[in-house]
Amino acid sequence: SITLFNIFLNEADELSRRLATTLAEWAMELTPPVPPQCESLAHALAGNSATVGYEDLSTLARALEHALGRAQRAQRFSEAEGQLFERAAEDIRQLLHQFAAGFLRSVDA
């Protein structure tokens, strides 16, 4: 229904905003560990996206969730790794905005 669609979009927009902001702030310093809330935000986005049938977004969010989980054990991070996490979070936001506008884009591997 349109009501559930709007609930999903509002929740996913807030989750993705928090994820992108937190990762961008962390990437400025690259101080271990990656903020633990990022993994749970990605997890929620993956689950919510799967619930509404947006598998590409769910797959990307799940991959980010798993990468963030593995990153919890890292002792240091490169600038490229920080940029990769930031890019994934921004891709999630872009996919959501396009989905809200009625466009489905494939995920950039």
PDB file of N, CA and C in Angstrom:
ATOM      1  N   SER A   1       0.841  -1.186   0.000  1.00  0.00           N
ATOM      2  CA  SER A   1       0.000   0.000   0.000  1.00  0.00           C
ATOM      3  C   SER A   1       0.881   1.243   0.000  1.00  0.00           C
ATOM      4  N   ILE A   2       0.289   2.345  -0.364  1.00  0.00           N
ATOM      5  CA  ILE A   2       1.018   3.610  -0.401  1.00  0.00           C
ATOM      6  C   ILE A   2       1.460   4.015   1.008  1.00  0.00           C
ATOM      7  N   THR A   3       0.664   3.669   1.999  1.00  0.00           N
ATOM      8  CA  THR A   3       1.028   4.002   3.378  1.00  0.00           C
ATOM      9  C   THR A   3       2.300   3.278   3.782  1.00  0.00           C
ATOM     10  N   LEU A   4       2.371   1.969   3.512  1.00  0.00           N
ATOM     11  CA  LEU A   4       3.572   1.207   3.852  1.00  0.00           C
ATOM     12  C   LEU A   4       4.775   1.648   3.017  1.00  0.00           C
ATOM     13  N   PHE A   5       4.533   1.982   1.772  1.00  0.00           N
ATOM     14  CA  PHE A   5       5.605   2.489   0.911  1.00  0.00           C
ATOM     15  C   PHE A   5       6.209   3.756   1.520  1.00  0.00           C
ATOM     16  N   ASN A   6       5.348   4.672   1.961  1.00  0.00           N
ATOM     17  CA  ASN A   6       5.824   5.916   2.562  1.00  0.00           C
ATOM     18  C   ASN A   6       6.528   5.676   3.889  1.00  0.00           C
ATOM     19  N   ILE A   7       6.037   4.731   4.674  1.00  0.00           N
ATOM     20  CA  ILE A   7       6.712   4.388   5.932  1.00  0.00           C
ATOM     21  C   ILE A   7       8.107   3.864   5.633  1.00  0.00           C
ATOM     22  N   PHE A   8       8.212   2.949   4.663  1.00  0.00           N
ATOM     23  CA  PHE A   8       9.525   2.428   4.287  1.00  0.00           C
ATOM     24  C   PHE A   8      10.450   3.553   3.864  1.00  0.00           C
ATOM     25  N   LEU A   9       9.987   4.426   2.976  1.00  0.00           N
ATOM     26  CA  LEU A   9      10.838   5.504   2.477  1.00  0.00           C
ATOM     27  C   LEU A   9      11.304   6.418   3.603  1.00  0.00           C
ATOM     28  N   ASN A  10      10.409   6.772   4.500  1.00  0.00           N
ATOM     29  CA  ASN A  10      10.787   7.654   5.607  1.00  0.00           C
ATOM     30  C   ASN A  10      11.806   6.993   6.525  1.00  0.00           C
ATOM     31  N   GLU A  11      11.557   5.739   6.886  1.00  0.00           N
ATOM     32  CA  GLU A  11      12.489   5.027   7.765  1.00  0.00           C
ATOM     33  C   GLU A  11      13.831   4.813   7.075  1.00  0.00           C
ATOM     34  N   ALA A  12      13.798   4.370   5.834  1.00  0.00           N
ATOM     35  CA  ALA A  12      15.036   4.101   5.106  1.00  0.00           C
ATOM     36  C   ALA A  12      15.826   5.377   4.866  1.00  0.00           C
ATOM     37  N   ASP A  13      15.127   6.474   4.615  1.00  0.00           N
ATOM     38  CA  ASP A  13      15.827   7.743   4.417  1.00  0.00           C
ATOM     39  C   ASP A  13      16.561   8.146   5.693  1.00  0.00           C
ATOM     40  N   GLU A  14      15.930   8.016   6.827  1.00  0.00           N
ATOM     41  CA  GLU A  14      16.570   8.363   8.100  1.00  0.00           C
ATOM     42  C   GLU A  14      17.739   7.429   8.409  1.00  0.00           C
ATOM     43  N   LEU A  15      17.538   6.132   8.222  1.00  0.00           N
ATOM     44  CA  LEU A  15      18.630   5.176   8.452  1.00  0.00           C
ATOM     45  C   LEU A  15      19.813   5.452   7.539  1.00  0.00           C
ATOM     46  N   SER A  16      19.538   5.692   6.256  1.00  0.00           N
ATOM     47  CA  SER A  16      20.631   5.919   5.303  1.00  0.00           C
ATOM     48  C   SER A  16      21.330   7.248   5.570  1.00  0.00           C
ATOM     49  N   ARG A  17      20.589   8.258   6.005  1.00  0.00           N
ATOM     50  CA  ARG A  17      21.197   9.543   6.344  1.00  0.00           C
ATOM     51  C   ARG A  17      22.148   9.387   7.524  1.00  0.00           C
ATOM     52  N   ARG A  18      21.688   8.682   8.556  1.00  0.00           N
ATOM     53  CA  ARG A  18      22.533   8.457   9.734  1.00  0.00           C
ATOM     54  C   ARG A  18      23.770   7.636   9.370  1.00  0.00           C
ATOM     55  N   LEU A  19      23.590   6.624   8.535  1.00  0.00           N
ATOM     56  CA  LEU A  19      24.706   5.784   8.116  1.00  0.00           C
ATOM     57  C   LEU A  19      25.740   6.604   7.333  1.00  0.00           C
ATOM     58  N   ALA A  20      25.278   7.356   6.356  1.00  0.00           N
ATOM     59  CA  ALA A  20      26.190   8.144   5.525  1.00  0.00           C
ATOM     60  C   ALA A  20      26.916   9.210   6.352  1.00  0.00           C
ATOM     61  N   THR A  21      26.193   9.868   7.238  1.00  0.00           N
ATOM     62  CA  THR A  21      26.802  10.911   8.070  1.00  0.00           C
ATOM     63  C   THR A  21      27.837  10.329   9.021  1.00  0.00           C
ATOM     64  N   THR A  22      27.501   9.241   9.676  1.00  0.00           N
ATOM     65  CA  THR A  22      28.416   8.621  10.639  1.00  0.00           C
ATOM     66  C   THR A  22      29.673   8.115   9.949  1.00  0.00           C
ATOM     67  N   LEU A  23      29.509   7.470   8.795  1.00  0.00           N
ATOM     68  CA  LEU A  23      30.682   6.973   8.069  1.00  0.00           C
ATOM     69  C   LEU A  23      31.537   8.124   7.535  1.00  0.00           C
ATOM     70  N   ALA A  24      30.912   9.194   7.072  1.00  0.00           N
ATOM     71  CA  ALA A  24      31.677  10.339   6.571  1.00  0.00           C
ATOM     72  C   ALA A  24      32.491  10.976   7.698  1.00  0.00           C
ATOM     73  N   GLU A  25      31.886  11.106   8.866  1.00  0.00           N
ATOM     74  CA  GLU A  25      32.611  11.667  10.009  1.00  0.00           C
ATOM     75  C   GLU A  25      33.758  10.760  10.420  1.00  0.00           C
ATOM     76  N   TRP A  26      33.512   9.462  10.472  1.00  0.00           N
ATOM     77  CA  TRP A  26      34.558   8.501  10.841  1.00  0.00           C
ATOM     78  C   TRP A  26      35.698   8.519   9.815  1.00  0.00           C
ATOM     79  N   ALA A  27      35.361   8.603   8.536  1.00  0.00           N
ATOM     80  CA  ALA A  27      36.363   8.535   7.472  1.00  0.00           C
ATOM     81  C   ALA A  27      37.313   9.734   7.495  1.00  0.00           C
ATOM     82  N   MET A  28      36.923  10.800   8.139  1.00  0.00           N
ATOM     83  CA  MET A  28      37.813  11.955   8.247  1.00  0.00           C
ATOM     84  C   MET A  28      39.008  11.649   9.143  1.00  0.00           C
ATOM     85  N   GLU A  29      38.824  10.753  10.110  1.00  0.00           N
ATOM     86  CA  GLU A  29      39.894  10.406  11.055  1.00  0.00           C
ATOM     87  C   GLU A  29      40.440   8.996  10.844  1.00  0.00           C
ATOM     88  N   LEU A  30      39.556   8.072  10.413  1.00  0.00           N
ATOM     89  CA  LEU A  30      39.902   6.659  10.211  1.00  0.00           C
ATOM     90  C   LEU A  30      40.425   5.999  11.499  1.00  0.00           C
ATOM     91  N   THR A  31      39.898   6.425  12.614  1.00  0.00           N
ATOM     92  CA  THR A  31      40.304   5.868  13.898  1.00  0.00           C
ATOM     93  C   THR A  31      39.498   4.605  14.185  1.00  0.00           C
ATOM     94  N   PRO A  32      40.187   3.465  14.407  1.00  0.00           N
ATOM     95  CA  PRO A  32      39.457   2.239  14.734  1.00  0.00           C
ATOM     96  C   PRO A  32      38.756   2.379  16.083  1.00  0.00           C
ATOM     97  N   PRO A  33      37.676   1.695  16.249  1.00  0.00           N
ATOM     98  CA  PRO A  33      36.963   0.898  15.245  1.00  0.00           C
ATOM     99  C   PRO A  33      35.982   1.754  14.452  1.00  0.00           C
ATOM    100  N   VAL A  34      35.430   1.157  13.416  1.00  0.00           N
ATOM    101  CA  VAL A  34      34.323   1.781  12.713  1.00  0.00           C
ATOM    102  C   VAL A  34      33.189   1.895  13.729  1.00  0.00           C
ATOM    103  N   PRO A  35      32.461   3.001  13.762  1.00  0.00           N
ATOM    104  CA  PRO A  35      31.375   3.126  14.734  1.00  0.00           C
ATOM    105  C   PRO A  35      30.420   1.929  14.649  1.00  0.00           C
ATOM    106  N   PRO A  36      30.202   1.243  15.783  1.00  0.00           N
ATOM    107  CA  PRO A  36      29.384   0.016  15.746  1.00  0.00           C
ATOM    108  C   PRO A  36      27.956   0.223  15.270  1.00  0.00           C
ATOM    109  N   GLN A  37      27.408   1.423  15.432  1.00  0.00           N
ATOM    110  CA  GLN A  37      26.030   1.645  14.985  1.00  0.00           C
ATOM    111  C   GLN A  37      25.906   1.562  13.472  1.00  0.00           C
ATOM    112  N   CYS A  38      27.019   1.721  12.752  1.00  0.00           N
ATOM    113  CA  CYS A  38      26.959   1.640  11.287  1.00  0.00           C
ATOM    114  C   CYS A  38      26.542   0.251  10.828  1.00  0.00           C
ATOM    115  N   GLU A  39      27.057  -0.759  11.484  1.00  0.00           N
ATOM    116  CA  GLU A  39      26.684  -2.132  11.125  1.00  0.00           C
ATOM    117  C   GLU A  39      25.196  -2.360  11.347  1.00  0.00           C
ATOM    118  N   SER A  40      24.665  -1.878  12.460  1.00  0.00           N
ATOM    119  CA  SER A  40      23.240  -2.089  12.727  1.00  0.00           C
ATOM    120  C   SER A  40      22.363  -1.257  11.793  1.00  0.00           C
ATOM    121  N   LEU A  41      22.822  -0.070  11.414  1.00  0.00           N
ATOM    122  CA  LEU A  41      22.065   0.733  10.444  1.00  0.00           C
ATOM    123  C   LEU A  41      22.006   0.033   9.093  1.00  0.00           C
ATOM    124  N   ALA A  42      23.140  -0.501   8.645  1.00  0.00           N
ATOM    125  CA  ALA A  42      23.170  -1.237   7.370  1.00  0.00           C
ATOM    126  C   ALA A  42      22.287  -2.480   7.454  1.00  0.00           C
ATOM    127  N   HIS A  43      22.305  -3.153   8.602  1.00  0.00           N
ATOM    128  CA  HIS A  43      21.471  -4.343   8.800  1.00  0.00           C
ATOM    129  C   HIS A  43      19.985  -3.989   8.669  1.00  0.00           C
ATOM    130  N   ALA A  44      19.587  -2.901   9.311  1.00  0.00           N
ATOM    131  CA  ALA A  44      18.182  -2.479   9.239  1.00  0.00           C
ATOM    132  C   ALA A  44      17.793  -2.115   7.814  1.00  0.00           C
ATOM    133  N   LEU A  45      18.670  -1.422   7.107  1.00  0.00           N
ATOM    134  CA  LEU A  45      18.383  -1.069   5.708  1.00  0.00           C
ATOM    135  C   LEU A  45      18.247  -2.313   4.839  1.00  0.00           C
ATOM    136  N   ALA A  46      19.120  -3.287   5.054  1.00  0.00           N
ATOM    137  CA  ALA A  46      19.051  -4.526   4.269  1.00  0.00           C
ATOM    138  C   ALA A  46      17.733  -5.249   4.512  1.00  0.00           C
ATOM    139  N   GLY A  47      17.354  -5.370   5.767  1.00  0.00           N
ATOM    140  CA  GLY A  47      16.111  -6.069   6.098  1.00  0.00           C
ATOM    141  C   GLY A  47      14.878  -5.351   5.596  1.00  0.00           C
ATOM    142  N   ASN A  48      14.830  -4.038   5.802  1.00  0.00           N
ATOM    143  CA  ASN A  48      13.667  -3.266   5.351  1.00  0.00           C
ATOM    144  C   ASN A  48      13.533  -3.294   3.835  1.00  0.00           C
ATOM    145  N   SER A  49      14.657  -3.212   3.142  1.00  0.00           N
ATOM    146  CA  SER A  49      14.624  -3.240   1.675  1.00  0.00           C
ATOM    147  C   SER A  49      14.164  -4.597   1.155  1.00  0.00           C
ATOM    148  N   ALA A  50      14.613  -5.656   1.804  1.00  0.00           N
ATOM    149  CA  ALA A  50      14.169  -6.997   1.405  1.00  0.00           C
ATOM    150  C   ALA A  50      12.668  -7.157   1.638  1.00  0.00           C
ATOM    151  N   THR A  51      12.165  -6.575   2.709  1.00  0.00           N
ATOM    152  CA  THR A  51      10.744  -6.679   3.033  1.00  0.00           C
ATOM    153  C   THR A  51       9.873  -6.076   1.939  1.00  0.00           C
ATOM    154  N   VAL A  52      10.330  -4.957   1.354  1.00  0.00           N
ATOM    155  CA  VAL A  52       9.532  -4.329   0.298  1.00  0.00           C
ATOM    156  C   VAL A  52       9.903  -4.842  -1.093  1.00  0.00           C
ATOM    157  N   GLY A  53      10.841  -5.806  -1.152  1.00  0.00           N
ATOM    158  CA  GLY A  53      11.176  -6.434  -2.418  1.00  0.00           C
ATOM    159  C   GLY A  53      12.231  -5.719  -3.239  1.00  0.00           C
ATOM    160  N   TYR A  54      12.946  -4.787  -2.640  1.00  0.00           N
ATOM    161  CA  TYR A  54      14.005  -4.071  -3.356  1.00  0.00           C
ATOM    162  C   TYR A  54      15.313  -4.819  -3.097  1.00  0.00           C
ATOM    163  N   GLU A  55      15.511  -5.890  -3.859  1.00  0.00           N
ATOM    164  CA  GLU A  55      16.626  -6.808  -3.627  1.00  0.00           C
ATOM    165  C   GLU A  55      17.996  -6.186  -3.886  1.00  0.00           C
ATOM    166  N   ASP A  56      18.124  -5.345  -4.915  1.00  0.00           N
ATOM    167  CA  ASP A  56      19.425  -4.722  -5.184  1.00  0.00           C
ATOM    168  C   ASP A  56      19.884  -3.875  -4.003  1.00  0.00           C
ATOM    169  N   LEU A  57      18.980  -3.092  -3.471  1.00  0.00           N
ATOM    170  CA  LEU A  57      19.325  -2.262  -2.316  1.00  0.00           C
ATOM    171  C   LEU A  57      19.621  -3.135  -1.102  1.00  0.00           C
ATOM    172  N   SER A  58      18.829  -4.164  -0.906  1.00  0.00           N
ATOM    173  CA  SER A  58      19.050  -5.084   0.208  1.00  0.00           C
ATOM    174  C   SER A  58      20.411  -5.758   0.096  1.00  0.00           C
ATOM    175  N   THR A  59      20.777  -6.174  -1.107  1.00  0.00           N
ATOM    176  CA  THR A  59      22.064  -6.837  -1.327  1.00  0.00           C
ATOM    177  C   THR A  59      23.228  -5.899  -1.021  1.00  0.00           C
ATOM    178  N   LEU A  60      23.140  -4.661  -1.475  1.00  0.00           N
ATOM    179  CA  LEU A  60      24.196  -3.686  -1.210  1.00  0.00           C
ATOM    180  C   LEU A  60      24.302  -3.396   0.291  1.00  0.00           C
ATOM    181  N   ALA A  61      23.177  -3.177   0.931  1.00  0.00           N
ATOM    182  CA  ALA A  61      23.194  -2.888   2.369  1.00  0.00           C
ATOM    183  C   ALA A  61      23.715  -4.086   3.160  1.00  0.00           C
ATOM    184  N   ARG A  62      23.360  -5.290   2.729  1.00  0.00           N
ATOM    185  CA  ARG A  62      23.844  -6.504   3.416  1.00  0.00           C
ATOM    186  C   ARG A  62      25.356  -6.650   3.229  1.00  0.00           C
ATOM    187  N   ALA A  63      25.854  -6.379   2.022  1.00  0.00           N
ATOM    188  CA  ALA A  63      27.296  -6.449   1.792  1.00  0.00           C
ATOM    189  C   ALA A  63      28.037  -5.423   2.644  1.00  0.00           C
ATOM    190  N   LEU A  64      27.476  -4.221   2.759  1.00  0.00           N
ATOM    191  CA  LEU A  64      28.086  -3.197   3.604  1.00  0.00           C
ATOM    192  C   LEU A  64      28.043  -3.623   5.067  1.00  0.00           C
ATOM    193  N   GLU A  65      26.926  -4.175   5.481  1.00  0.00           N
ATOM    194  CA  GLU A  65      26.800  -4.672   6.860  1.00  0.00           C
ATOM    195  C   GLU A  65      27.902  -5.678   7.180  1.00  0.00           C
ATOM    196  N   HIS A  66      28.123  -6.633   6.291  1.00  0.00           N
ATOM    197  CA  HIS A  66      29.127  -7.676   6.522  1.00  0.00           C
ATOM    198  C   HIS A  66      30.539  -7.090   6.509  1.00  0.00           C
ATOM    199  N   ALA A  67      30.786  -6.167   5.591  1.00  0.00           N
ATOM    200  CA  ALA A  67      32.103  -5.525   5.537  1.00  0.00           C
ATOM    201  C   ALA A  67      32.363  -4.720   6.811  1.00  0.00           C
ATOM    202  N   LEU A  68      31.358  -4.024   7.286  1.00  0.00           N
ATOM    203  CA  LEU A  68      31.505  -3.257   8.527  1.00  0.00           C
ATOM    204  C   LEU A  68      31.727  -4.180   9.722  1.00  0.00           C
ATOM    205  N   GLY A  69      31.073  -5.331   9.715  1.00  0.00           N
ATOM    206  CA  GLY A  69      31.291  -6.308  10.780  1.00  0.00           C
ATOM    207  C   GLY A  69      32.723  -6.802  10.803  1.00  0.00           C
ATOM    208  N   ARG A  70      33.250  -7.108   9.623  1.00  0.00           N
ATOM    209  CA  ARG A  70      34.651  -7.548   9.546  1.00  0.00           C
ATOM    210  C   ARG A  70      35.598  -6.413   9.930  1.00  0.00           C
ATOM    211  N   ALA A  71      35.231  -5.197   9.590  1.00  0.00           N
ATOM    212  CA  ALA A  71      36.080  -4.040   9.868  1.00  0.00           C
ATOM    213  C   ALA A  71      36.199  -3.755  11.367  1.00  0.00           C
ATOM    214  N   GLN A  72      35.283  -4.270  12.154  1.00  0.00           N
ATOM    215  CA  GLN A  72      35.357  -4.048  13.608  1.00  0.00           C
ATOM    216  C   GLN A  72      36.650  -4.602  14.194  1.00  0.00           C
ATOM    217  N   ARG A  73      37.239  -5.583  13.532  1.00  0.00           N
ATOM    218  CA  ARG A  73      38.459  -6.217  14.043  1.00  0.00           C
ATOM    219  C   ARG A  73      39.741  -5.580  13.494  1.00  0.00           C
ATOM    220  N   ALA A  74      39.608  -4.622  12.596  1.00  0.00           N
ATOM    221  CA  ALA A  74      40.792  -4.004  11.968  1.00  0.00           C
ATOM    222  C   ALA A  74      41.509  -3.081  12.952  1.00  0.00           C
ATOM    223  N   GLN A  75      42.809  -3.036  12.815  1.00  0.00           N
ATOM    224  CA  GLN A  75      43.636  -2.182  13.665  1.00  0.00           C
ATOM    225  C   GLN A  75      43.887  -0.810  13.045  1.00  0.00           C
ATOM    226  N   ARG A  76      43.798  -0.735  11.718  1.00  0.00           N
ATOM    227  CA  ARG A  76      43.969   0.534  11.019  1.00  0.00           C
ATOM    228  C   ARG A  76      43.241   0.459   9.685  1.00  0.00           C
ATOM    229  N   PHE A  77      43.024   1.618   9.110  1.00  0.00           N
ATOM    230  CA  PHE A  77      42.284   1.714   7.856  1.00  0.00           C
ATOM    231  C   PHE A  77      43.016   2.639   6.895  1.00  0.00           C
ATOM    232  N   SER A  78      42.921   2.298   5.620  1.00  0.00           N
ATOM    233  CA  SER A  78      43.485   3.178   4.597  1.00  0.00           C
ATOM    234  C   SER A  78      42.418   4.200   4.191  1.00  0.00           C
ATOM    235  N   GLU A  79      42.868   5.244   3.555  1.00  0.00           N
ATOM    236  CA  GLU A  79      41.942   6.251   3.050  1.00  0.00           C
ATOM    237  C   GLU A  79      40.993   5.626   2.028  1.00  0.00           C
ATOM    238  N   ALA A  80      41.504   4.711   1.208  1.00  0.00           N
ATOM    239  CA  ALA A  80      40.668   4.040   0.197  1.00  0.00           C
ATOM    240  C   ALA A  80      39.553   3.229   0.852  1.00  0.00           C
ATOM    241  N   GLU A  81      39.857   2.583   1.973  1.00  0.00           N
ATOM    242  CA  GLU A  81      38.815   1.815   2.669  1.00  0.00           C
ATOM    243  C   GLU A  81      37.735   2.743   3.221  1.00  0.00           C
ATOM    244  N   GLY A  82      38.159   3.856   3.783  1.00  0.00           N
ATOM    245  CA  GLY A  82      37.188   4.831   4.267  1.00  0.00           C
ATOM    246  C   GLY A  82      36.309   5.353   3.146  1.00  0.00           C
ATOM    247  N   GLN A  83      36.927   5.629   2.001  1.00  0.00           N
ATOM    248  CA  GLN A  83      36.175   6.120   0.849  1.00  0.00           C
ATOM    249  C   GLN A  83      35.211   5.072   0.314  1.00  0.00           C
ATOM    250  N   LEU A  84      35.613   3.809   0.363  1.00  0.00           N
ATOM    251  CA  LEU A  84      34.736   2.735  -0.100  1.00  0.00           C
ATOM    252  C   LEU A  84      33.484   2.643   0.768  1.00  0.00           C
ATOM    253  N   PHE A  85      33.658   2.712   2.084  1.00  0.00           N
ATOM    254  CA  PHE A  85      32.499   2.682   2.984  1.00  0.00           C
ATOM    255  C   PHE A  85      31.596   3.894   2.741  1.00  0.00           C
ATOM    256  N   GLU A  86      32.213   5.064   2.566  1.00  0.00           N
ATOM    257  CA  GLU A  86      31.431   6.272   2.289  1.00  0.00           C
ATOM    258  C   GLU A  86      30.652   6.137   0.984  1.00  0.00           C
ATOM    259  N   ARG A  87      31.322   5.618  -0.048  1.00  0.00           N
ATOM    260  CA  ARG A  87      30.680   5.475  -1.352  1.00  0.00           C
ATOM    261  C   ARG A  87      29.500   4.508  -1.284  1.00  0.00           C
ATOM    262  N   ALA A  88      29.670   3.413  -0.570  1.00  0.00           N
ATOM    263  CA  ALA A  88      28.570   2.452  -0.431  1.00  0.00           C
ATOM    264  C   ALA A  88      27.374   3.109   0.259  1.00  0.00           C
ATOM    265  N   ALA A  89      27.633   3.881   1.311  1.00  0.00           N
ATOM    266  CA  ALA A  89      26.539   4.557   2.021  1.00  0.00           C
ATOM    267  C   ALA A  89      25.860   5.586   1.120  1.00  0.00           C
ATOM    268  N   GLU A  90      26.635   6.301   0.337  1.00  0.00           N
ATOM    269  CA  GLU A  90      26.058   7.280  -0.592  1.00  0.00           C
ATOM    270  C   GLU A  90      25.276   6.584  -1.713  1.00  0.00           C
ATOM    271  N   ASP A  91      25.778   5.453  -2.191  1.00  0.00           N
ATOM    272  CA  ASP A  91      25.038   4.688  -3.203  1.00  0.00           C
ATOM    273  C   ASP A  91      23.685   4.245  -2.660  1.00  0.00           C
ATOM    274  N   ILE A  92      23.660   3.829  -1.409  1.00  0.00           N
ATOM    275  CA  ILE A  92      22.393   3.431  -0.781  1.00  0.00           C
ATOM    276  C   ILE A  92      21.429   4.613  -0.786  1.00  0.00           C
ATOM    277  N   ARG A  93      21.909   5.789  -0.413  1.00  0.00           N
ATOM    278  CA  ARG A  93      21.043   6.980  -0.400  1.00  0.00           C
ATOM    279  C   ARG A  93      20.528   7.302  -1.806  1.00  0.00           C
ATOM    280  N   GLN A  94      21.407   7.216  -2.795  1.00  0.00           N
ATOM    281  CA  GLN A  94      20.988   7.508  -4.166  1.00  0.00           C
ATOM    282  C   GLN A  94      19.949   6.501  -4.655  1.00  0.00           C
ATOM    283  N   LEU A  95      20.179   5.225  -4.343  1.00  0.00           N
ATOM    284  CA  LEU A  95      19.210   4.203  -4.743  1.00  0.00           C
ATOM    285  C   LEU A  95      17.848   4.468  -4.110  1.00  0.00           C
ATOM    286  N   LEU A  96      17.842   4.866  -2.854  1.00  0.00           N
ATOM    287  CA  LEU A  96      16.578   5.171  -2.177  1.00  0.00           C
ATOM    288  C   LEU A  96      15.865   6.357  -2.819  1.00  0.00           C
ATOM    289  N   HIS A  97      16.608   7.404  -3.122  1.00  0.00           N
ATOM    290  CA  HIS A  97      15.988   8.575  -3.736  1.00  0.00           C
ATOM    291  C   HIS A  97      15.441   8.249  -5.121  1.00  0.00           C
ATOM    292  N   GLN A  98      16.163   7.444  -5.870  1.00  0.00           N
ATOM    293  CA  GLN A  98      15.663   7.041  -7.184  1.00  0.00           C
ATOM    294  C   GLN A  98      14.445   6.135  -7.056  1.00  0.00           C
ATOM    295  N   PHE A  99      14.463   5.244  -6.068  1.00  0.00           N
ATOM    296  CA  PHE A  99      13.318   4.363  -5.812  1.00  0.00           C
ATOM    297  C   PHE A  99      12.089   5.201  -5.475  1.00  0.00           C
ATOM    298  N   ALA A 100      12.271   6.216  -4.649  1.00  0.00           N
ATOM    299  CA  ALA A 100      11.153   7.093  -4.272  1.00  0.00           C
ATOM    300  C   ALA A 100      10.578   7.813  -5.487  1.00  0.00           C
ATOM    301  N   ALA A 101      11.438   8.089  -6.478  1.00  0.00           N
ATOM    302  CA  ALA A 101      10.996   8.762  -7.700  1.00  0.00           C
ATOM    303  C   ALA A 101      10.459   7.787  -8.755  1.00  0.00           C
ATOM    304  N   GLY A 102      10.492   6.489  -8.430  1.00  0.00           N
ATOM    305  CA  GLY A 102       9.952   5.492  -9.344  1.00  0.00           C
ATOM    306  C   GLY A 102      10.948   4.837 -10.272  1.00  0.00           C
ATOM    307  N   PHE A 103      12.239   5.031 -10.007  1.00  0.00           N
ATOM    308  CA  PHE A 103      13.277   4.428 -10.824  1.00  0.00           C
ATOM    309  C   PHE A 103      14.016   3.356 -10.042  1.00  0.00           C
ATOM    310  N   LEU A 104      14.278   2.244 -10.693  1.00  0.00           N
ATOM    311  CA  LEU A 104      15.079   1.192 -10.077  1.00  0.00           C
ATOM    312  C   LEU A 104      16.376   1.088 -10.850  1.00  0.00           C
ATOM    313  N   ARG A 105      17.477   1.324 -10.151  1.00  0.00           N
ATOM    314  CA  ARG A 105      18.801   1.268 -10.757  1.00  0.00           C
ATOM    315  C   ARG A 105      19.527   0.071 -10.196  1.00  0.00           C
ATOM    316  N   SER A 106      20.318  -0.592 -11.024  1.00  0.00           N
ATOM    317  CA  SER A 106      21.121  -1.699 -10.557  1.00  0.00           C
ATOM    318  C   SER A 106      22.267  -1.171  -9.702  1.00  0.00           C
ATOM    319  N   VAL A 107      22.733  -2.021  -8.816  1.00  0.00           N
ATOM    320  CA  VAL A 107      23.825  -1.670  -7.916  1.00  0.00           C
ATOM    321  C   VAL A 107      25.152  -1.762  -8.655  1.00  0.00           C
ATOM    322  N   ASP A 108      26.001  -0.777  -8.433  1.00  0.00           N
ATOM    323  CA  ASP A 108      27.352  -0.792  -8.982  1.00  0.00           C
ATOM    324  C   ASP A 108      28.193  -1.759  -8.159  1.00  0.00           C
ATOM    325  N   ALA A 109      28.638  -2.829  -8.792  1.00  0.00           N
ATOM    326  CA  ALA A 109      29.413  -3.849  -8.063  1.00  0.00           C
ATOM    327  C   ALA A 109      30.658  -3.247  -7.451  1.00  0.00           C
TER     328      ALA A 109
END
